């Protein structure tokens, strides 16, 4: 399906790609995405349009490449990035600073809306060189949670100058990624192979549960939670393995799946069809894991009605499909795995999926958009 992919070569290594969320009743596929760069003298946050106005071929296929709407300089490497809402993007920097940028859609500009200087730091916030990389950010508007190399967890609110809560020594190792489990609980992964749950209602600065990879304590780099079955969690780490966890039982993963040949940088369940999961790696591959039991029964992705982004209502979720992620060997239950980038060589650092669209960014200084993931 490579012919469905449009590429844009940019003169920067891309560390993060994110679709702008769609408004609740939107009928169109996503068309605006943001990117952040790293390892360049001048890093940037950029907003792109992937819309194919005037670019569709005779058969409706897409020929245009993404075009830049606006960009802004960013201090330090972009370590992570999440949309807070339709207009605001929260960006984590290698300098330890967390910034909210606003995309002004009327005149297509970006501006820094709010900044928490050195939200993460090694010694103290005032030392000039004391910043510690902010490695991960997750948003549930207006709340923003950040984690860092300093083992700290911060809870911010978009409308407040000071942190609502900081857990200073949350971890003695580097925290690499964070996601919400529920509105009051977060999951973190660290550099010694642990997955931890934190209940933000508790004043204790201890995790409520700790899970860990047996044996080698391989650093975990990324985490995502199944959108409907909140006890199912996927993580990826330095050895390229995909781990599936059921946080209701045990302290170890329910399955370990051989995946990439090098570090796995991101893992994402499809937000509205979580039988599909996507992973990308330092080895230059991007895998689509498909556990849907029967290809002919797949729901149509372009939802006709005015329903929100839940293309699958909770009642239609097929139990056997859900349990495919939790069986001891999901690959036996007809899992199809496709590498969407057959001959890429440099690292694929980031991916994002929304509706029928995939966007990913690489160290080959390019961004790629596939608007027909399920064609």
Protein backbone atom coordinates (compact mmCIF):
# COMPACT_ATOMS: atom_id res chain seq x y z
CA UNK A 1 0.00 0.00 0.00
CA UNK A 2 3.02 2.24 -0.33
CA UNK A 3 1.41 4.12 -3.23
CA UNK A 4 -1.10 5.55 -0.75
CA UNK A 5 1.69 7.23 1.18
CA UNK A 6 2.76 10.79 0.54
CA UNK A 7 6.16 11.95 1.75
CA UNK A 8 7.46 15.38 2.61
CA UNK A 9 11.19 15.89 2.98
CA UNK A 10 12.04 18.47 5.62
CA UNK A 11 15.52 19.53 6.65
CA UNK A 12 15.15 18.21 10.18
CA UNK A 13 15.06 14.91 12.00
CA UNK A 14 11.47 14.41 13.17
CA UNK A 15 11.02 13.18 16.73
CA UNK A 16 7.22 13.47 17.10
CA UNK A 17 4.16 13.43 14.84
CA UNK A 18 0.61 14.01 16.14
CA UNK A 19 -2.78 14.39 14.47
CA UNK A 20 -4.85 17.30 15.68
CA UNK A 21 -7.90 15.77 17.39
CA UNK A 22 -11.15 15.98 15.45
CA UNK A 23 -14.14 17.87 16.83
CA UNK A 24 -16.73 15.51 18.34
CA UNK A 25 -19.14 15.46 15.40
CA UNK A 26 -16.57 15.66 12.62
CA UNK A 27 -17.33 13.60 9.55
CA UNK A 28 -14.12 14.22 7.65
CA UNK A 29 -10.87 12.33 8.21
CA UNK A 30 -8.15 14.21 10.11
CA UNK A 31 -6.18 16.66 8.02
CA UNK A 32 -4.01 18.76 10.35
CA UNK A 33 -0.99 17.37 12.16
CA UNK A 34 1.93 18.71 14.17
CA UNK A 35 5.57 17.65 14.16
CA UNK A 36 8.50 18.32 16.44
CA UNK A 37 12.17 17.90 15.62
CA UNK A 38 15.33 16.87 17.42
CA UNK A 39 19.10 16.80 17.00
CA UNK A 40 19.10 19.90 14.79
CA UNK A 41 20.76 23.23 15.49
CA UNK A 42 17.38 24.88 15.27
CA UNK A 43 14.51 22.64 16.38
CA UNK A 44 10.95 23.48 15.39
CA UNK A 45 7.32 22.80 16.10
CA UNK A 46 5.45 22.71 12.78
CA UNK A 47 1.78 22.49 11.80
CA UNK A 48 0.97 20.77 8.51
CA UNK A 49 -2.08 20.24 6.38
CA UNK A 50 -2.50 16.86 4.74
CA UNK A 51 -5.75 17.77 3.08
CA UNK A 52 -5.95 16.82 -0.57
CA UNK A 53 -7.87 19.84 -1.84
CA UNK A 54 -7.25 20.03 -5.54
CA UNK A 55 -4.75 17.19 -5.38
CA UNK A 56 -6.97 14.17 -5.87
CA UNK A 57 -6.35 12.18 -9.02
CA UNK A 58 -9.03 10.92 -11.40
CA UNK A 59 -9.91 7.98 -9.18
CA UNK A 60 -9.89 10.03 -6.02
CA UNK A 61 -6.44 8.84 -4.99
CA UNK A 62 -4.28 11.32 -3.15
CA UNK A 63 -1.21 12.78 -4.85
CA UNK A 64 -0.41 15.90 -2.88
CA UNK A 65 2.22 16.11 -0.20
CA UNK A 66 1.63 17.65 3.22
CA UNK A 67 2.17 21.40 3.20
CA UNK A 68 3.47 23.59 5.99
CA UNK A 69 0.93 25.95 7.57
CA UNK A 70 3.22 27.50 10.19
CA UNK A 71 6.13 26.76 12.48
CA UNK A 72 8.01 28.16 15.46
CA UNK A 73 11.45 27.69 16.96
CA UNK A 74 11.72 25.30 19.93
CA UNK A 75 14.48 25.39 22.50
CA UNK A 76 16.02 21.91 22.86
CA UNK A 77 15.01 18.58 21.32
CA UNK A 78 11.29 17.85 21.17
CA UNK A 79 11.02 14.76 23.39
CA UNK A 80 7.23 14.42 23.34
CA UNK A 81 4.19 16.32 22.20
CA UNK A 82 0.42 16.06 22.74
CA UNK A 83 -2.53 18.15 21.63
CA UNK A 84 -4.38 19.59 24.64
CA UNK A 85 -7.35 20.63 22.47
CA UNK A 86 -7.98 21.81 18.89
CA UNK A 87 -5.65 24.79 19.26
CA UNK A 88 -3.06 24.03 21.90
CA UNK A 89 -0.12 21.63 21.88
CA UNK A 90 1.95 20.68 24.91
CA UNK A 91 5.62 20.08 24.15
CA UNK A 92 8.27 18.38 26.31
CA UNK A 93 11.86 19.56 25.84
CA UNK A 94 15.26 17.99 26.47
CA UNK A 95 15.99 21.16 28.47
CA UNK A 96 13.36 20.12 31.04
CA UNK A 97 10.95 22.88 30.04
CA UNK A 98 7.30 22.18 29.16
CA UNK A 99 5.61 24.64 26.78
CA UNK A 100 2.05 25.07 25.56
CA UNK A 101 1.97 26.42 22.01
CA UNK A 102 -1.19 27.87 20.49
CA UNK A 103 -2.03 27.42 16.83
CA UNK A 104 -3.90 30.51 15.64
CA UNK A 105 -6.01 29.17 12.82
CA UNK A 106 -7.25 32.54 11.58
CA UNK A 107 -3.80 33.74 10.50
CA UNK A 108 -1.84 30.43 10.64
CA UNK A 109 0.73 31.32 13.26
CA UNK A 110 2.09 29.54 16.32
CA UNK A 111 2.90 31.27 19.60
CA UNK A 112 4.14 30.16 23.00
CA UNK A 113 1.09 30.34 25.23
CA UNK A 114 2.56 29.20 28.53
CA UNK A 115 5.87 27.81 29.72
CA UNK A 116 6.93 25.86 32.81
CA UNK A 117 10.69 26.47 32.89
CA UNK A 118 12.71 23.48 34.06
CA UNK A 119 9.71 21.42 35.08
CA UNK A 120 12.37 18.69 35.24
CA UNK A 121 15.84 19.27 36.70
CA UNK A 122 18.73 17.33 38.18
CA UNK A 123 20.09 19.41 41.03
CA UNK A 124 17.85 22.36 41.67
CA UNK A 125 15.71 24.52 39.43
CA UNK A 126 18.05 27.50 39.64
CA UNK A 127 21.28 25.94 38.38
CA UNK A 128 21.94 27.05 34.84
CA UNK A 129 22.84 23.56 33.65
CA UNK A 130 20.43 21.75 35.93
CA UNK A 131 17.70 20.92 33.43
CA UNK A 132 16.76 17.25 33.00
CA UNK A 133 15.00 16.10 29.87
CA UNK A 134 11.22 15.99 30.06
CA UNK A 135 10.70 12.64 28.33
CA UNK A 136 6.93 12.28 28.26
CA UNK A 137 3.71 14.27 28.43
CA UNK A 138 0.05 13.27 28.44
CA UNK A 139 -3.00 15.54 28.48
CA UNK A 140 -6.56 15.27 29.67
CA UNK A 141 -7.62 18.90 29.26
CA UNK A 142 -7.02 20.94 31.39
CA UNK A 143 -4.70 18.50 33.14
CA UNK A 144 -1.19 17.79 31.89
CA UNK A 145 1.13 15.17 33.35
CA UNK A 146 4.87 15.18 32.60
CA UNK A 147 7.66 12.73 33.43
CA UNK A 148 11.40 13.06 33.08
CA UNK A 149 14.93 11.82 33.27
CA UNK A 150 14.95 13.08 36.86
CA UNK A 151 12.36 10.48 37.93
CA UNK A 152 9.88 13.28 38.68
CA UNK A 153 6.15 13.36 37.90
CA UNK A 154 4.42 16.75 37.54
CA UNK A 155 0.71 17.42 37.36
CA UNK A 156 -0.05 20.80 35.74
CA UNK A 157 -3.27 22.55 34.82
CA UNK A 158 -3.30 24.51 31.60
CA UNK A 159 -4.70 27.57 33.38
CA UNK A 160 -2.34 27.57 36.40
CA UNK A 161 1.15 28.94 36.72
CA UNK A 162 2.42 26.50 39.36
CA UNK A 163 2.32 22.72 39.37
CA UNK A 164 -0.81 21.30 41.02
CA UNK A 165 1.26 18.42 42.31
CA UNK A 166 4.84 17.17 42.01
CA UNK A 167 6.10 13.75 43.04
CA UNK A 168 9.79 14.51 43.37
CA UNK A 169 11.36 11.11 43.77
CA UNK A 170 8.69 9.12 42.01
CA UNK A 171 11.38 6.94 40.46
CA UNK A 172 15.05 6.40 41.07
CA UNK A 173 15.55 5.69 37.36
CA UNK A 174 14.54 7.61 34.23
CA UNK A 175 10.82 7.73 33.51
CA UNK A 176 10.42 7.35 29.74
CA UNK A 177 6.70 7.66 29.09
CA UNK A 178 3.35 8.27 30.76
CA UNK A 179 -0.31 7.78 29.89
CA UNK A 180 -3.65 8.08 31.64
CA UNK A 181 -5.25 4.88 32.87
CA UNK A 182 -8.34 6.74 34.10
CA UNK A 183 -8.92 10.41 34.83
CA UNK A 184 -7.29 10.06 38.26
CA UNK A 185 -4.69 7.39 37.53
CA UNK A 186 -1.58 7.39 35.38
CA UNK A 187 0.81 4.71 34.14
CA UNK A 188 4.55 5.30 33.85
CA UNK A 189 7.33 3.16 32.36
CA UNK A 190 10.97 3.40 33.35
CA UNK A 191 14.49 2.47 32.39
CA UNK A 192 14.57 -0.68 34.52
CA UNK A 193 11.62 -2.45 32.90
CA UNK A 194 8.90 -1.38 35.34
CA UNK A 195 5.33 -0.26 34.69
CA UNK A 196 3.84 1.68 37.62
CA UNK A 197 0.34 2.90 38.39
CA UNK A 198 -0.08 6.17 40.30
CA UNK A 199 -3.36 7.29 41.85
CA UNK A 200 -3.34 11.09 41.75
CA UNK A 201 -6.06 11.27 44.44
CA UNK A 202 -3.67 9.74 46.97
CA UNK A 203 -1.31 12.09 48.75
CA UNK A 204 1.25 9.30 49.10
CA UNK A 205 4.16 9.65 46.74
CA UNK A 206 4.22 5.91 46.08
CA UNK A 207 2.80 3.97 43.14
CA UNK A 208 -0.36 2.00 43.88
CA UNK A 209 0.95 -0.93 41.81
CA UNK A 210 4.26 -1.98 40.27
CA UNK A 211 4.62 -4.41 37.39
CA UNK A 212 7.90 -5.51 35.90
CA UNK A 213 9.48 -7.46 33.11
CA UNK A 214 11.04 -10.59 34.52
CA UNK A 215 14.77 -11.03 34.43
CA UNK A 216 16.66 -8.55 32.34
CA UNK A 217 14.97 -5.28 33.34
CA UNK A 218 15.05 -4.01 29.77
CA UNK A 219 14.32 -0.27 29.62
CA UNK A 220 10.74 0.46 28.55
CA UNK A 221 10.35 3.42 26.19
CA UNK A 222 6.65 3.64 25.42
CA UNK A 223 3.23 2.73 26.77
CA UNK A 224 -0.37 2.86 25.57
CA UNK A 225 -3.65 1.78 27.10
CA UNK A 226 -6.39 -0.04 25.19
CA UNK A 227 -9.08 2.64 24.63
CA UNK A 228 -12.05 0.48 25.69
CA UNK A 229 -10.55 -2.26 27.84
CA UNK A 230 -8.67 -0.11 30.31
CA UNK A 231 -6.95 -3.05 31.96
CA UNK A 232 -5.09 -3.92 28.74
CA UNK A 233 -1.81 -2.06 28.34
CA UNK A 234 0.92 -2.32 25.69
CA UNK A 235 4.56 -1.34 26.20
CA UNK A 236 7.67 -1.39 24.05
CA UNK A 237 11.30 -1.18 25.00
CA UNK A 238 14.93 -1.22 24.17
CA UNK A 239 14.93 -4.82 22.91
CA UNK A 240 12.15 -4.12 20.40
CA UNK A 241 9.71 -6.53 22.13
CA UNK A 242 6.02 -5.73 22.43
CA UNK A 243 4.64 -6.53 25.90
CA UNK A 244 0.92 -6.83 26.60
CA UNK A 245 -0.14 -6.47 30.25
CA UNK A 246 -3.41 -7.13 32.06
CA UNK A 247 -3.19 -4.88 35.08
CA UNK A 248 -5.98 -6.81 36.85
CA UNK A 249 -3.76 -9.81 37.32
CA UNK A 250 -0.20 -10.66 38.20
CA UNK A 251 2.77 -8.35 38.01
CA UNK A 252 4.21 -9.58 34.72
CA UNK A 253 3.15 -9.18 31.09
CA UNK A 254 0.55 -11.66 29.78
CA UNK A 255 2.42 -11.87 26.51
CA UNK A 256 5.78 -10.90 25.06
CA UNK A 257 5.82 -10.64 21.29
CA UNK A 258 8.96 -10.62 19.21
CA UNK A 259 8.84 -7.44 17.25
CA UNK A 260 11.57 -5.07 16.13
CA UNK A 261 15.32 -5.59 15.87
CA UNK A 262 16.10 -2.43 17.86
CA UNK A 263 14.45 0.01 20.27
CA UNK A 264 10.69 0.41 19.97
CA UNK A 265 9.99 4.13 20.21
CA UNK A 266 6.18 4.30 20.19
CA UNK A 267 3.21 1.98 20.53
CA UNK A 268 -0.38 3.04 19.80
CA UNK A 269 -3.65 1.19 19.84
CA UNK A 270 -5.94 2.56 17.14
CA UNK A 271 -8.16 4.91 19.20
CA UNK A 272 -11.42 3.74 17.66
CA UNK A 273 -10.56 0.24 16.43
CA UNK A 274 -8.16 -1.16 19.03
CA UNK A 275 -7.95 -4.57 17.34
CA UNK A 276 -5.26 -2.67 15.44
CA UNK A 277 -2.00 -1.66 17.07
CA UNK A 278 0.98 0.19 15.61
CA UNK A 279 4.63 0.21 16.65
CA UNK A 280 7.72 1.95 15.26
CA UNK A 281 11.40 1.41 15.83
CA UNK A 282 14.99 2.54 15.60
CA UNK A 283 15.39 -0.29 13.04
CA UNK A 284 13.45 1.73 10.46
CA UNK A 285 10.25 -0.31 10.54
CA UNK A 286 6.64 0.52 11.39
CA UNK A 287 4.43 -2.46 12.14
CA UNK A 288 0.66 -2.79 11.93
CA UNK A 289 -0.58 -5.55 14.27
CA UNK A 290 -4.08 -6.71 13.35
CA UNK A 291 -5.99 -9.02 15.70
CA UNK A 292 -9.40 -8.50 14.11
CA UNK A 293 -10.75 -12.03 13.74
CA UNK A 294 -12.37 -11.82 10.38
CA UNK A 295 -11.35 -9.31 7.77
CA UNK A 296 -14.77 -9.37 6.09
CA UNK A 297 -16.49 -8.31 9.31
CA UNK A 298 -14.41 -5.18 9.72
CA UNK A 299 -16.43 -2.03 10.39
CA UNK A 300 -16.33 0.73 7.84
CA UNK A 301 -13.90 3.40 8.96
CA UNK A 302 -15.52 6.39 7.39
CA UNK A 303 -18.40 6.60 9.79
CA UNK A 304 -21.48 8.02 8.12
CA UNK A 305 -23.56 9.17 11.07
CA UNK A 306 -22.80 12.18 13.24
CA UNK A 307 -21.36 10.00 15.99
CA UNK A 308 -18.15 11.00 17.66
CA UNK A 309 -14.85 9.24 17.18
CA UNK A 310 -16.03 5.95 18.68
CA UNK A 311 -16.60 4.05 15.46
CA UNK A 312 -17.19 0.92 17.55
CA UNK A 313 -19.67 1.29 20.34
CA UNK A 314 -18.85 -0.64 23.52
CA UNK A 315 -21.62 -3.14 22.94
CA UNK A 316 -20.30 -4.25 19.56
CA UNK A 317 -16.86 -5.14 20.80
CA UNK A 318 -16.43 -8.80 20.16
CA UNK A 319 -15.10 -10.49 23.32
CA UNK A 320 -12.98 -12.92 21.33
CA UNK A 321 -11.29 -10.00 19.62
CA UNK A 322 -10.54 -8.28 22.90
CA UNK A 323 -9.15 -11.46 24.41
CA UNK A 324 -6.88 -11.89 21.40
CA UNK A 325 -4.56 -9.36 23.03
CA UNK A 326 -4.69 -11.30 26.30
CA UNK A 327 -4.28 -14.86 25.07
CA UNK A 328 -0.96 -16.48 25.91
CA UNK A 329 0.12 -16.38 22.32
CA UNK A 330 -1.91 -13.78 20.42
CA UNK A 331 -0.15 -14.74 17.19
CA UNK A 332 -1.96 -18.09 17.23
CA UNK A 333 -5.27 -16.24 17.22
CA UNK A 334 -4.77 -15.04 13.67
CA UNK A 335 -2.77 -11.93 14.22
CA UNK A 336 -1.56 -10.36 11.00
CA UNK A 337 1.57 -8.24 11.20
CA UNK A 338 2.53 -5.97 8.31
CA UNK A 339 5.60 -3.80 8.06
CA UNK A 340 4.26 -0.61 6.50
CA UNK A 341 7.77 0.56 5.51
CA UNK A 342 9.46 -2.22 3.57
CA UNK A 343 12.86 -0.65 2.96
CA UNK A 344 13.37 2.25 5.32
CA UNK A 345 16.81 2.37 6.90
CA UNK A 346 16.85 5.14 9.52
CA UNK A 347 14.89 5.27 12.75
CA UNK A 348 11.12 5.78 12.71
CA UNK A 349 10.78 7.90 15.86
CA UNK A 350 7.07 8.55 16.06
CA UNK A 351 3.68 7.61 14.67
CA UNK A 352 0.07 8.61 15.22
CA UNK A 353 -3.17 7.05 13.96
CA UNK A 354 -6.63 8.60 13.75
CA UNK A 355 -9.53 7.30 11.66
CA UNK A 356 -8.14 5.96 8.36
CA UNK A 357 -4.96 8.05 8.61
CA UNK A 358 -1.41 7.37 9.77
CA UNK A 359 1.38 9.93 10.11
CA UNK A 360 4.98 9.07 10.99
CA UNK A 361 8.32 10.83 11.20
CA UNK A 362 11.90 9.65 10.76
CA UNK A 363 15.57 10.44 11.20
CA UNK A 364 15.74 10.49 7.40
CA UNK A 365 14.33 14.03 7.72
CA UNK A 366 10.97 13.09 6.29
CA UNK A 367 7.34 12.90 7.33
CA UNK A 368 4.93 10.44 5.75
CA UNK A 369 1.14 10.39 5.62
CA UNK A 370 -0.99 7.37 4.73
CA UNK A 371 -4.63 8.38 4.36
CA UNK A 372 -5.97 4.93 3.49
CA UNK A 373 -4.66 2.70 6.25
CA UNK A 374 -7.46 0.19 5.88
CA UNK A 375 -7.97 0.32 2.12
